[in-house]
PDB file of all heavy atoms in Angstrom:
ATOM      1  N   VAL A   1       9.087   4.040  -5.293  1.00  0.00           N
ATOM      2  CA  VAL A   1       8.836   2.718  -5.859  1.00  0.00           C
ATOM      3  C   VAL A   1       8.515   2.771  -7.354  1.00  0.00           C
ATOM      4  O   VAL A   1       8.294   1.737  -7.970  1.00  0.00           O
ATOM      5  CB  VAL A   1       7.716   1.991  -5.097  1.00  0.00           C
ATOM      6  CG1 VAL A   1       8.137   1.741  -3.660  1.00  0.00           C
ATOM      7  CG2 VAL A   1       6.395   2.761  -5.153  1.00  0.00           C
ATOM      8  N   ARG A   2       8.501   3.972  -7.945  1.00  0.00           N
ATOM      9  CA  ARG A   2       8.341   4.118  -9.392  1.00  0.00           C
ATOM     10  C   ARG A   2       9.675   4.356 -10.090  1.00  0.00           C
ATOM     11  O   ARG A   2       9.715   4.554 -11.309  1.00  0.00           O
ATOM     12  CB  ARG A   2       7.377   5.265  -9.716  1.00  0.00           C
ATOM     13  CG  ARG A   2       5.950   5.025  -9.266  1.00  0.00           C
ATOM     14  CD  ARG A   2       5.263   3.916 -10.076  1.00  0.00           C
ATOM     15  NE  ARG A   2       5.660   2.574  -9.662  1.00  0.00           N
ATOM     16  CZ  ARG A   2       5.466   1.478 -10.396  1.00  0.00           C
ATOM     17  NH1 ARG A   2       4.927   1.551 -11.596  1.00  0.00           N
ATOM     18  NH2 ARG A   2       5.843   0.305  -9.957  1.00  0.00           N
ATOM     19  N   PHE A   3      10.780   4.320  -9.337  1.00  0.00           N
ATOM     20  CA  PHE A   3      12.113   4.416  -9.931  1.00  0.00           C
ATOM     21  C   PHE A   3      12.606   3.019 -10.305  1.00  0.00           C
ATOM     22  O   PHE A   3      12.228   2.013  -9.694  1.00  0.00           O
ATOM     23  CB  PHE A   3      13.103   5.049  -8.940  1.00  0.00           C
ATOM     24  CG  PHE A   3      12.840   6.503  -8.632  1.00  0.00           C
ATOM     25  CD1 PHE A   3      13.149   7.017  -7.383  1.00  0.00           C
ATOM     26  CD2 PHE A   3      12.294   7.350  -9.579  1.00  0.00           C
ATOM     27  CE1 PHE A   3      12.919   8.354  -7.088  1.00  0.00           C
ATOM     28  CE2 PHE A   3      12.062   8.689  -9.297  1.00  0.00           C
ATOM     29  CZ  PHE A   3      12.374   9.192  -8.041  1.00  0.00           C
ATOM     30  N   SER A   4      13.483   2.941 -11.277  1.00  0.00           N
ATOM     31  CA  SER A   4      13.944   1.648 -11.806  1.00  0.00           C
ATOM     32  C   SER A   4      14.566   0.725 -10.762  1.00  0.00           C
ATOM     33  O   SER A   4      14.360  -0.500 -10.842  1.00  0.00           O
ATOM     34  CB  SER A   4      14.921   1.863 -12.971  1.00  0.00           C
ATOM     35  OG  SER A   4      16.020   2.665 -12.585  1.00  0.00           O
ATOM     36  N   PRO A   5      15.331   1.210  -9.760  1.00  0.00           N
ATOM     37  CA  PRO A   5      15.899   0.254  -8.788  1.00  0.00           C
ATOM     38  C   PRO A   5      14.843  -0.531  -8.028  1.00  0.00           C
ATOM     39  O   PRO A   5      15.113  -1.658  -7.584  1.00  0.00           O
ATOM     40  CB  PRO A   5      16.715   1.151  -7.845  1.00  0.00           C
ATOM     41  CG  PRO A   5      17.064   2.339  -8.664  1.00  0.00           C
ATOM     42  CD  PRO A   5      15.859   2.573  -9.530  1.00  0.00           C
ATOM     43  N   TRP A   6      13.660   0.038  -7.855  1.00  0.00           N
ATOM     44  CA  TRP A   6      12.608  -0.679  -7.122  1.00  0.00           C
ATOM     45  C   TRP A   6      11.717  -1.471  -8.064  1.00  0.00           C
ATOM     46  O   TRP A   6      11.255  -2.556  -7.713  1.00  0.00           O
ATOM     47  CB  TRP A   6      11.817   0.317  -6.274  1.00  0.00           C
ATOM     48  CG  TRP A   6      12.602   0.665  -5.053  1.00  0.00           C
ATOM     49  CD1 TRP A   6      12.550   0.083  -3.822  1.00  0.00           C
ATOM     50  CD2 TRP A   6      13.653   1.644  -4.971  1.00  0.00           C
ATOM     51  NE1 TRP A   6      13.492   0.638  -2.983  1.00  0.00           N
ATOM     52  CE2 TRP A   6      14.175   1.596  -3.657  1.00  0.00           C
ATOM     53  CE3 TRP A   6      14.202   2.563  -5.871  1.00  0.00           C
ATOM     54  CZ2 TRP A   6      15.212   2.429  -3.233  1.00  0.00           C
ATOM     55  CZ3 TRP A   6      15.234   3.387  -5.458  1.00  0.00           C
ATOM     56  CH2 TRP A   6      15.722   3.313  -4.143  1.00  0.00           C
ATOM     57  N   ILE A   7      11.499  -0.980  -9.245  1.00  0.00           N
ATOM     58  CA  ILE A   7      10.700  -1.729 -10.215  1.00  0.00           C
ATOM     59  C   ILE A   7      11.430  -2.994 -10.659  1.00  0.00           C
ATOM     60  O   ILE A   7      10.833  -4.062 -10.820  1.00  0.00           O
ATOM     61  CB  ILE A   7      10.378  -0.849 -11.438  1.00  0.00           C
ATOM     62  CG1 ILE A   7       9.447   0.304 -11.033  1.00  0.00           C
ATOM     63  CG2 ILE A   7       9.722  -1.680 -12.552  1.00  0.00           C
ATOM     64  CD1 ILE A   7       9.201   1.310 -12.139  1.00  0.00           C
ATOM     65  N   GLU A   8      12.749  -2.892 -10.851  1.00  0.00           N
ATOM     66  CA  GLU A   8      13.523  -4.001 -11.405  1.00  0.00           C
ATOM     67  C   GLU A   8      14.174  -4.889 -10.350  1.00  0.00           C
ATOM     68  O   GLU A   8      14.847  -5.862 -10.698  1.00  0.00           O
ATOM     69  CB  GLU A   8      14.615  -3.452 -12.340  1.00  0.00           C
ATOM     70  CG  GLU A   8      14.091  -2.626 -13.500  1.00  0.00           C
ATOM     71  CD  GLU A   8      13.168  -3.419 -14.411  1.00  0.00           C
ATOM     72  OE1 GLU A   8      13.313  -4.665 -14.470  1.00  0.00           O
ATOM     73  OE2 GLU A   8      12.301  -2.810 -15.059  1.00  0.00           O
ATOM     74  N   HIS A   9      14.000  -4.596  -9.082  1.00  0.00           N
ATOM     75  CA  HIS A   9      14.649  -5.388  -8.028  1.00  0.00           C
ATOM     76  C   HIS A   9      14.161  -6.837  -8.108  1.00  0.00           C
ATOM     77  O   HIS A   9      12.956  -7.099  -8.237  1.00  0.00           O
ATOM     78  CB  HIS A   9      14.323  -4.809  -6.655  1.00  0.00           C
ATOM     79  CG  HIS A   9      15.180  -5.348  -5.557  1.00  0.00           C
ATOM     80  ND1 HIS A   9      14.967  -6.602  -5.001  1.00  0.00           N
ATOM     81  CD2 HIS A   9      16.262  -4.828  -4.922  1.00  0.00           C
ATOM     82  CE1 HIS A   9      15.864  -6.813  -4.061  1.00  0.00           C
ATOM     83  NE2 HIS A   9      16.671  -5.768  -3.994  1.00  0.00           N
ATOM     84  N   PRO A  10      15.074  -7.823  -8.046  1.00  0.00           N
ATOM     85  CA  PRO A  10      14.683  -9.235  -8.183  1.00  0.00           C
ATOM     86  C   PRO A  10      13.674  -9.714  -7.143  1.00  0.00           C
ATOM     87  O   PRO A  10      12.926 -10.658  -7.399  1.00  0.00           O
ATOM     88  CB  PRO A  10      16.018  -9.979  -8.036  1.00  0.00           C
ATOM     89  CG  PRO A  10      17.058  -8.997  -8.446  1.00  0.00           C
ATOM     90  CD  PRO A  10      16.547  -7.662  -7.982  1.00  0.00           C
ATOM     91  N   VAL A  11      13.666  -9.080  -5.968  1.00  0.00           N
ATOM     92  CA  VAL A  11      12.709  -9.455  -4.919  1.00  0.00           C
ATOM     93  C   VAL A  11      11.620  -8.400  -4.793  1.00  0.00           C
ATOM     94  O   VAL A  11      10.426  -8.673  -4.915  1.00  0.00           O
ATOM     95  CB  VAL A  11      13.411  -9.657  -3.568  1.00  0.00           C
ATOM     96  CG1 VAL A  11      12.388  -9.944  -2.467  1.00  0.00           C
ATOM     97  CG2 VAL A  11      14.426 -10.788  -3.659  1.00  0.00           C
ATOM     98  N   HIS A  12      12.028  -7.160  -4.554  1.00  0.00           N
ATOM     99  CA  HIS A  12      11.078  -6.103  -4.207  1.00  0.00           C
ATOM    100  C   HIS A  12      10.378  -5.496  -5.413  1.00  0.00           C
ATOM    101  O   HIS A  12       9.532  -4.601  -5.237  1.00  0.00           O
ATOM    102  CB  HIS A  12      11.776  -5.028  -3.378  1.00  0.00           C
ATOM    103  CG  HIS A  12      12.313  -5.548  -2.080  1.00  0.00           C
ATOM    104  ND1 HIS A  12      11.502  -6.159  -1.145  1.00  0.00           N
ATOM    105  CD2 HIS A  12      13.573  -5.578  -1.569  1.00  0.00           C
ATOM    106  CE1 HIS A  12      12.238  -6.529  -0.107  1.00  0.00           C
ATOM    107  NE2 HIS A  12      13.488  -6.196  -0.339  1.00  0.00           N
ATOM    108  N   GLY A  13      10.694  -5.968  -6.613  1.00  0.00           N
ATOM    109  CA  GLY A  13       9.909  -5.576  -7.767  1.00  0.00           C
ATOM    110  C   GLY A  13       8.585  -6.311  -7.833  1.00  0.00           C
ATOM    111  O   GLY A  13       7.659  -5.879  -8.532  1.00  0.00           O
ATOM    112  N   HIS A  14       8.489  -7.450  -7.129  1.00  0.00           N
ATOM    113  CA  HIS A  14       7.242  -8.231  -6.998  1.00  0.00           C
ATOM    114  C   HIS A  14       6.685  -8.698  -8.338  1.00  0.00           C
ATOM    115  O   HIS A  14       5.485  -8.992  -8.447  1.00  0.00           O
ATOM    116  CB  HIS A  14       6.168  -7.414  -6.255  1.00  0.00           C
ATOM    117  CG  HIS A  14       6.585  -6.904  -4.919  1.00  0.00           C
ATOM    118  ND1 HIS A  14       6.784  -7.734  -3.833  1.00  0.00           N
ATOM    119  CD2 HIS A  14       6.868  -5.642  -4.492  1.00  0.00           C
ATOM    120  CE1 HIS A  14       7.145  -7.005  -2.785  1.00  0.00           C
ATOM    121  NE2 HIS A  14       7.218  -5.746  -3.162  1.00  0.00           N
ATOM    122  N   LYS A  15       7.518  -8.800  -9.362  1.00  0.00           N
ATOM    123  CA  LYS A  15       6.991  -9.089 -10.700  1.00  0.00           C
ATOM    124  C   LYS A  15       6.310 -10.452 -10.782  1.00  0.00           C
ATOM    125  O   LYS A  15       5.231 -10.584 -11.376  1.00  0.00           O
ATOM    126  CB  LYS A  15       8.117  -8.983 -11.731  1.00  0.00           C
ATOM    127  CG  LYS A  15       8.587  -7.552 -11.961  1.00  0.00           C
ATOM    128  CD  LYS A  15       9.595  -7.481 -13.096  1.00  0.00           C
ATOM    129  CE  LYS A  15       9.968  -6.042 -13.389  1.00  0.00           C
ATOM    130  NZ  LYS A  15      10.908  -5.939 -14.537  1.00  0.00           N
ATOM    131  N   ARG A  16       6.927 -11.463 -10.208  1.00  0.00           N
ATOM    132  CA  ARG A  16       6.324 -12.800 -10.294  1.00  0.00           C
ATOM    133  C   ARG A  16       5.045 -12.883  -9.472  1.00  0.00           C
ATOM    134  O   ARG A  16       4.058 -13.516  -9.884  1.00  0.00           O
ATOM    135  CB  ARG A  16       7.333 -13.854  -9.840  1.00  0.00           C
ATOM    136  CG  ARG A  16       8.509 -14.035 -10.812  1.00  0.00           C
ATOM    137  CD  ARG A  16       9.549 -14.983 -10.258  1.00  0.00           C
ATOM    138  NE  ARG A  16      10.177 -14.437  -9.071  1.00  0.00           N
ATOM    139  CZ  ARG A  16      11.162 -15.044  -8.388  1.00  0.00           C
ATOM    140  NH1 ARG A  16      11.599 -16.238  -8.788  1.00  0.00           N
ATOM    141  NH2 ARG A  16      11.698 -14.487  -7.340  1.00  0.00           N
ATOM    142  N   ALA A  17       5.041 -12.229  -8.321  1.00  0.00           N
ATOM    143  CA  ALA A  17       3.833 -12.229  -7.490  1.00  0.00           C
ATOM    144  C   ALA A  17       2.692 -11.507  -8.192  1.00  0.00           C
ATOM    145  O   ALA A  17       1.535 -11.953  -8.145  1.00  0.00           O
ATOM    146  CB  ALA A  17       4.131 -11.578  -6.141  1.00  0.00           C
ATOM    147  N   ILE A  18       2.996 -10.391  -8.844  1.00  0.00           N
ATOM    148  CA  ILE A  18       1.970  -9.632  -9.560  1.00  0.00           C
ATOM    149  C   ILE A  18       1.334 -10.501 -10.639  1.00  0.00           C
ATOM    150  O   ILE A  18       0.106 -10.562 -10.775  1.00  0.00           O
ATOM    151  CB  ILE A  18       2.573  -8.350 -10.169  1.00  0.00           C
ATOM    152  CG1 ILE A  18       2.954  -7.367  -9.060  1.00  0.00           C
ATOM    153  CG2 ILE A  18       1.604  -7.707 -11.153  1.00  0.00           C
ATOM    154  CD1 ILE A  18       3.846  -6.232  -9.515  1.00  0.00           C
ATOM    155  N   GLN A  19       2.169 -11.182 -11.409  1.00  0.00           N
ATOM    156  CA  GLN A  19       1.650 -12.051 -12.468  1.00  0.00           C
ATOM    157  C   GLN A  19       0.779 -13.159 -11.885  1.00  0.00           C
ATOM    158  O   GLN A  19      -0.296 -13.476 -12.417  1.00  0.00           O
ATOM    159  CB  GLN A  19       2.808 -12.659 -13.261  1.00  0.00           C
ATOM    160  CG  GLN A  19       2.362 -13.562 -14.396  1.00  0.00           C
ATOM    161  CD  GLN A  19       3.547 -14.112 -15.186  1.00  0.00           C
ATOM    162  OE1 GLN A  19       4.696 -13.715 -14.975  1.00  0.00           O
ATOM    163  NE2 GLN A  19       3.279 -15.047 -16.083  1.00  0.00           N
ATOM    164  N   LYS A  20       1.236 -13.738 -10.767  1.00  0.00           N
ATOM    165  CA  LYS A  20       0.499 -14.838 -10.142  1.00  0.00           C
ATOM    166  C   LYS A  20      -0.849 -14.361  -9.607  1.00  0.00           C
ATOM    167  O   LYS A  20      -1.880 -15.017  -9.792  1.00  0.00           O
ATOM    168  CB  LYS A  20       1.336 -15.431  -9.003  1.00  0.00           C
ATOM    169  CG  LYS A  20       0.776 -16.724  -8.432  1.00  0.00           C
ATOM    170  CD  LYS A  20       0.968 -17.872  -9.400  1.00  0.00           C
ATOM    171  CE  LYS A  20       0.551 -19.186  -8.806  1.00  0.00           C
ATOM    172  NZ  LYS A  20       0.686 -20.308  -9.750  1.00  0.00           N
ATOM    173  N   ILE A  21      -0.868 -13.213  -8.943  1.00  0.00           N
ATOM    174  CA  ILE A  21      -2.105 -12.692  -8.357  1.00  0.00           C
ATOM    175  C   ILE A  21      -3.125 -12.401  -9.447  1.00  0.00           C
ATOM    176  O   ILE A  21      -4.325 -12.653  -9.281  1.00  0.00           O
ATOM    177  CB  ILE A  21      -1.808 -11.427  -7.525  1.00  0.00           C
ATOM    178  CG1 ILE A  21      -0.968 -11.791  -6.288  1.00  0.00           C
ATOM    179  CG2 ILE A  21      -3.105 -10.745  -7.078  1.00  0.00           C
ATOM    180  CD1 ILE A  21      -0.368 -10.604  -5.575  1.00  0.00           C
ATOM    181  N   ARG A  22      -2.658 -11.906 -10.582  1.00  0.00           N
ATOM    182  CA  ARG A  22      -3.581 -11.596 -11.687  1.00  0.00           C
ATOM    183  C   ARG A  22      -4.222 -12.866 -12.262  1.00  0.00           C
ATOM    184  O   ARG A  22      -5.258 -12.786 -12.921  1.00  0.00           O
ATOM    185  CB  ARG A  22      -2.849 -10.835 -12.787  1.00  0.00           C
ATOM    186  CG  ARG A  22      -2.417  -9.424 -12.388  1.00  0.00           C
ATOM    187  CD  ARG A  22      -1.912  -8.644 -13.590  1.00  0.00           C
ATOM    188  NE  ARG A  22      -1.359  -7.360 -13.230  1.00  0.00           N
ATOM    189  CZ  ARG A  22      -2.060  -6.265 -12.963  1.00  0.00           C
ATOM    190  NH1 ARG A  22      -3.389  -6.322 -13.002  1.00  0.00           N
ATOM    191  NH2 ARG A  22      -1.470  -5.127 -12.663  1.00  0.00           N
ATOM    192  N   GLU A  23      -3.616 -14.014 -12.036  1.00  0.00           N
ATOM    193  CA  GLU A  23      -4.151 -15.269 -12.571  1.00  0.00           C
ATOM    194  C   GLU A  23      -5.237 -15.875 -11.697  1.00  0.00           C
ATOM    195  O   GLU A  23      -5.963 -16.766 -12.138  1.00  0.00           O
ATOM    196  CB  GLU A  23      -3.009 -16.291 -12.733  1.00  0.00           C
ATOM    197  CG  GLU A  23      -1.956 -15.886 -13.760  1.00  0.00           C
ATOM    198  CD  GLU A  23      -0.762 -16.822 -13.753  1.00  0.00           C
ATOM    199  OE1 GLU A  23      -0.714 -17.723 -12.868  1.00  0.00           O
ATOM    200  OE2 GLU A  23       0.128 -16.663 -14.598  1.00  0.00           O
ATOM    201  N   PHE A  24      -5.376 -15.413 -10.462  1.00  0.00           N
ATOM    202  CA  PHE A  24      -6.323 -16.027  -9.539  1.00  0.00           C
ATOM    203  C   PHE A  24      -7.765 -15.688  -9.904  1.00  0.00           C
ATOM    204  O   PHE A  24      -8.074 -14.581 -10.342  1.00  0.00           O
ATOM    205  CB  PHE A  24      -6.048 -15.582  -8.097  1.00  0.00           C
ATOM    206  CG  PHE A  24      -4.727 -16.047  -7.562  1.00  0.00           C
ATOM    207  CD1 PHE A  24      -3.923 -15.192  -6.851  1.00  0.00           C
ATOM    208  CD2 PHE A  24      -4.301 -17.351  -7.767  1.00  0.00           C
ATOM    209  CE1 PHE A  24      -2.698 -15.617  -6.346  1.00  0.00           C
ATOM    210  CE2 PHE A  24      -3.080 -17.783  -7.278  1.00  0.00           C
ATOM    211  CZ  PHE A  24      -2.279 -16.913  -6.572  1.00  0.00           C
ATOM    212  N   ASP A  25      -8.634 -16.659  -9.691  1.00  0.00           N
ATOM    213  CA  ASP A  25     -10.069 -16.469  -9.865  1.00  0.00           C
ATOM    214  C   ASP A  25     -10.659 -16.128  -8.504  1.00  0.00           C
ATOM    215  O   ASP A  25     -10.718 -16.996  -7.617  1.00  0.00           O
ATOM    216  CB  ASP A  25     -10.700 -17.752 -10.416  1.00  0.00           C
ATOM    217  CG  ASP A  25     -12.206 -17.645 -10.597  1.00  0.00           C
ATOM    218  OD1 ASP A  25     -12.780 -16.603 -10.214  1.00  0.00           O
ATOM    219  OD2 ASP A  25     -12.812 -18.611 -11.105  1.00  0.00           O
ATOM    220  N   PRO A  26     -11.085 -14.880  -8.285  1.00  0.00           N
ATOM    221  CA  PRO A  26     -11.551 -14.501  -6.947  1.00  0.00           C
ATOM    222  C   PRO A  26     -12.799 -15.228  -6.489  1.00  0.00           C
ATOM    223  O   PRO A  26     -13.099 -15.236  -5.294  1.00  0.00           O
ATOM    224  CB  PRO A  26     -11.818 -12.990  -7.097  1.00  0.00           C
ATOM    225  CG  PRO A  26     -11.984 -12.764  -8.554  1.00  0.00           C
ATOM    226  CD  PRO A  26     -11.111 -13.761  -9.237  1.00  0.00           C
ATOM    227  N   SER A  27     -13.531 -15.854  -7.414  1.00  0.00           N
ATOM    228  CA  SER A  27     -14.742 -16.564  -7.018  1.00  0.00           C
ATOM    229  C   SER A  27     -14.430 -17.911  -6.369  1.00  0.00           C
ATOM    230  O   SER A  27     -15.283 -18.491  -5.700  1.00  0.00           O
ATOM    231  CB  SER A  27     -15.649 -16.777  -8.235  1.00  0.00           C
ATOM    232  OG  SER A  27     -15.046 -17.667  -9.170  1.00  0.00           O
ATOM    233  N   ARG A  28     -13.203 -18.390  -6.544  1.00  0.00           N
ATOM    234  CA  ARG A  28     -12.838 -19.677  -5.955  1.00  0.00           C
ATOM    235  C   ARG A  28     -12.438 -19.494  -4.495  1.00  0.00           C
ATOM    236  O   ARG A  28     -12.078 -18.388  -4.065  1.00  0.00           O
ATOM    237  CB  ARG A  28     -11.672 -20.312  -6.730  1.00  0.00           C
ATOM    238  CG  ARG A  28     -11.965 -20.561  -8.201  1.00  0.00           C
ATOM    239  CD  ARG A  28     -10.877 -21.376  -8.835  1.00  0.00           C
ATOM    240  NE  ARG A  28     -10.858 -22.744  -8.318  1.00  0.00           N
ATOM    241  CZ  ARG A  28      -9.892 -23.633  -8.600  1.00  0.00           C
ATOM    242  NH1 ARG A  28      -8.875 -23.296  -9.360  1.00  0.00           N
ATOM    243  NH2 ARG A  28      -9.952 -24.847  -8.103  1.00  0.00           N
ATOM    244  N   PRO A  29     -12.492 -20.554  -3.685  1.00  0.00           N
ATOM    245  CA  PRO A  29     -12.097 -20.451  -2.276  1.00  0.00           C
ATOM    246  C   PRO A  29     -10.667 -19.938  -2.137  1.00  0.00           C
ATOM    247  O   PRO A  29      -9.793 -20.241  -2.963  1.00  0.00           O
ATOM    248  CB  PRO A  29     -12.222 -21.893  -1.768  1.00  0.00           C
ATOM    249  CG  PRO A  29     -13.210 -22.532  -2.679  1.00  0.00           C
ATOM    250  CD  PRO A  29     -12.989 -21.904  -4.023  1.00  0.00           C
ATOM    251  N   SER A  30     -10.423 -19.177  -1.093  1.00  0.00           N
ATOM    252  CA  SER A  30      -9.118 -18.534  -0.921  1.00  0.00           C
ATOM    253  C   SER A  30      -7.985 -19.537  -0.745  1.00  0.00           C
ATOM    254  O   SER A  30      -6.828 -19.213  -1.044  1.00  0.00           O
ATOM    255  CB  SER A  30      -9.165 -17.581   0.275  1.00  0.00           C
ATOM    256  OG  SER A  30      -9.522 -18.264   1.458  1.00  0.00           O
ATOM    257  N   TRP A  31      -8.276 -20.769  -0.293  1.00  0.00           N
ATOM    258  CA  TRP A  31      -7.190 -21.715  -0.065  1.00  0.00           C
ATOM    259  C   TRP A  31      -6.549 -22.160  -1.376  1.00  0.00           C
ATOM    260  O   TRP A  31      -5.477 -22.776  -1.375  1.00  0.00           O
ATOM    261  CB  TRP A  31      -7.664 -22.919   0.751  1.00  0.00           C
ATOM    262  CG  TRP A  31      -8.800 -23.722   0.173  1.00  0.00           C
ATOM    263  CD1 TRP A  31     -10.125 -23.574   0.449  1.00  0.00           C
ATOM    264  CD2 TRP A  31      -8.703 -24.806  -0.751  1.00  0.00           C
ATOM    265  NE1 TRP A  31     -10.874 -24.482  -0.256  1.00  0.00           N
ATOM    266  CE2 TRP A  31     -10.016 -25.266  -0.997  1.00  0.00           C
ATOM    267  CE3 TRP A  31      -7.635 -25.443  -1.401  1.00  0.00           C
ATOM    268  CZ2 TRP A  31     -10.295 -26.320  -1.859  1.00  0.00           C
ATOM    269  CZ3 TRP A  31      -7.914 -26.496  -2.253  1.00  0.00           C
ATOM    270  CH2 TRP A  31      -9.229 -26.925  -2.485  1.00  0.00           C
ATOM    271  N   HIS A  32      -7.172 -21.827  -2.511  1.00  0.00           N
ATOM    272  CA  HIS A  32      -6.556 -22.129  -3.807  1.00  0.00           C
ATOM    273  C   HIS A  32      -5.388 -21.185  -4.110  1.00  0.00           C
ATOM    274  O   HIS A  32      -4.613 -21.437  -5.032  1.00  0.00           O
ATOM    275  CB  HIS A  32      -7.588 -21.993  -4.932  1.00  0.00           C
ATOM    276  CG  HIS A  32      -8.547 -23.140  -5.012  1.00  0.00           C
ATOM    277  ND1 HIS A  32      -8.296 -24.271  -5.750  1.00  0.00           N
ATOM    278  CD2 HIS A  32      -9.773 -23.331  -4.441  1.00  0.00           C
ATOM    279  CE1 HIS A  32      -9.317 -25.105  -5.639  1.00  0.00           C
ATOM    280  NE2 HIS A  32     -10.229 -24.560  -4.838  1.00  0.00           N
ATOM    281  N   VAL A  33      -5.287 -20.101  -3.375  1.00  0.00           N
ATOM    282  CA  VAL A  33      -4.319 -19.051  -3.684  1.00  0.00           C
ATOM    283  C   VAL A  33      -2.969 -19.370  -3.046  1.00  0.00           C
ATOM    284  O   VAL A  33      -2.789 -19.227  -1.833  1.00  0.00           O
ATOM    285  CB  VAL A  33      -4.837 -17.680  -3.197  1.00  0.00           C
ATOM    286  CG1 VAL A  33      -3.806 -16.600  -3.460  1.00  0.00           C
ATOM    287  CG2 VAL A  33      -6.148 -17.356  -3.879  1.00  0.00           C
ATOM    288  N   HIS A  34      -2.042 -19.808  -3.877  1.00  0.00           N
ATOM    289  CA  HIS A  34      -0.680 -20.101  -3.419  1.00  0.00           C
ATOM    290  C   HIS A  34       0.311 -19.716  -4.511  1.00  0.00           C
ATOM    291  O   HIS A  34      -0.021 -19.724  -5.698  1.00  0.00           O
ATOM    292  CB  HIS A  34      -0.511 -21.586  -3.072  1.00  0.00           C
ATOM    293  CG  HIS A  34      -1.177 -21.981  -1.788  1.00  0.00           C
ATOM    294  ND1 HIS A  34      -0.602 -21.785  -0.555  1.00  0.00           N
ATOM    295  CD2 HIS A  34      -2.383 -22.553  -1.552  1.00  0.00           C
ATOM    296  CE1 HIS A  34      -1.422 -22.221   0.380  1.00  0.00           C
ATOM    297  NE2 HIS A  34      -2.519 -22.690  -0.196  1.00  0.00           N
ATOM    298  N   GLY A  35       1.508 -19.408  -4.090  1.00  0.00           N
ATOM    299  CA  GLY A  35       2.555 -19.108  -5.052  1.00  0.00           C
ATOM    300  C   GLY A  35       3.916 -19.287  -4.416  1.00  0.00           C
ATOM    301  O   GLY A  35       4.168 -18.784  -3.318  1.00  0.00           O
ATOM    302  N   ALA A  36       4.773 -20.031  -5.067  1.00  0.00           N
ATOM    303  CA  ALA A  36       6.135 -20.254  -4.573  1.00  0.00           C
ATOM    304  C   ALA A  36       7.100 -19.973  -5.718  1.00  0.00           C
ATOM    305  O   ALA A  36       6.917 -20.467  -6.830  1.00  0.00           O
ATOM    306  CB  ALA A  36       6.303 -21.688  -4.081  1.00  0.00           C
ATOM    307  N   PHE A  37       8.121 -19.169  -5.458  1.00  0.00           N
ATOM    308  CA  PHE A  37       9.072 -18.780  -6.487  1.00  0.00           C
ATOM    309  C   PHE A  37      10.490 -19.079  -6.019  1.00  0.00           C
ATOM    310  O   PHE A  37      10.794 -19.024  -4.822  1.00  0.00           O
ATOM    311  CB  PHE A  37       8.950 -17.283  -6.785  1.00  0.00           C
ATOM    312  CG  PHE A  37       7.534 -16.819  -6.954  1.00  0.00           C
ATOM    313  CD1 PHE A  37       6.997 -15.848  -6.114  1.00  0.00           C
ATOM    314  CD2 PHE A  37       6.718 -17.355  -7.933  1.00  0.00           C
ATOM    315  CE1 PHE A  37       5.691 -15.419  -6.257  1.00  0.00           C
ATOM    316  CE2 PHE A  37       5.410 -16.940  -8.091  1.00  0.00           C
ATOM    317  CZ  PHE A  37       4.896 -15.966  -7.251  1.00  0.00           C
ATOM    318  N   ARG A  38      11.347 -19.343  -6.960  1.00  0.00           N
ATOM    319  CA  ARG A  38      12.738 -19.622  -6.609  1.00  0.00           C
ATOM    320  C   ARG A  38      13.399 -18.361  -6.058  1.00  0.00           C
ATOM    321  O   ARG A  38      13.034 -17.237  -6.420  1.00  0.00           O
ATOM    322  CB  ARG A  38      13.510 -20.131  -7.824  1.00  0.00           C
ATOM    323  CG  ARG A  38      13.784 -19.073  -8.887  1.00  0.00           C
ATOM    324  CD  ARG A  38      14.780 -19.600  -9.930  1.00  0.00           C
ATOM    325  NE  ARG A  38      15.046 -18.585 -10.941  1.00  0.00           N
ATOM    326  CZ  ARG A  38      15.936 -17.607 -10.797  1.00  0.00           C
ATOM    327  NH1 ARG A  38      16.623 -17.495  -9.665  1.00  0.00           N
ATOM    328  NH2 ARG A  38      16.126 -16.736 -11.775  1.00  0.00           N
ATOM    329  N   THR A  39      14.363 -18.548  -5.207  1.00  0.00           N
ATOM    330  CA  THR A  39      15.118 -17.427  -4.657  1.00  0.00           C
ATOM    331  C   THR A  39      16.035 -16.855  -5.728  1.00  0.00           C
ATOM    332  O   THR A  39      16.727 -17.613  -6.413  1.00  0.00           O
ATOM    333  CB  THR A  39      15.961 -17.885  -3.456  1.00  0.00           C
ATOM    334  OG1 THR A  39      15.093 -18.451  -2.464  1.00  0.00           O
ATOM    335  CG2 THR A  39      16.730 -16.718  -2.857  1.00  0.00           C
ATOM    336  N   PRO A  40      16.052 -15.538  -5.926  1.00  0.00           N
ATOM    337  CA  PRO A  40      16.968 -14.954  -6.914  1.00  0.00           C
ATOM    338  C   PRO A  40      18.413 -15.295  -6.596  1.00  0.00           C
ATOM    339  O   PRO A  40      18.815 -15.357  -5.422  1.00  0.00           O
ATOM    340  CB  PRO A  40      16.707 -13.453  -6.780  1.00  0.00           C
ATOM    341  CG  PRO A  40      15.335 -13.355  -6.209  1.00  0.00           C
ATOM    342  CD  PRO A  40      15.194 -14.523  -5.295  1.00  0.00           C
TER     343      PRO A  40
END
């Protein structure tokens, strides 16, 4: 998963999810945590 085909994969690279998760405030209730992304 440290090779380019997995890092750059439109789905399995998880880039948008990673960015979204980093934006969450863990002190807030968990139901605030949502993320929806367009299909590649």
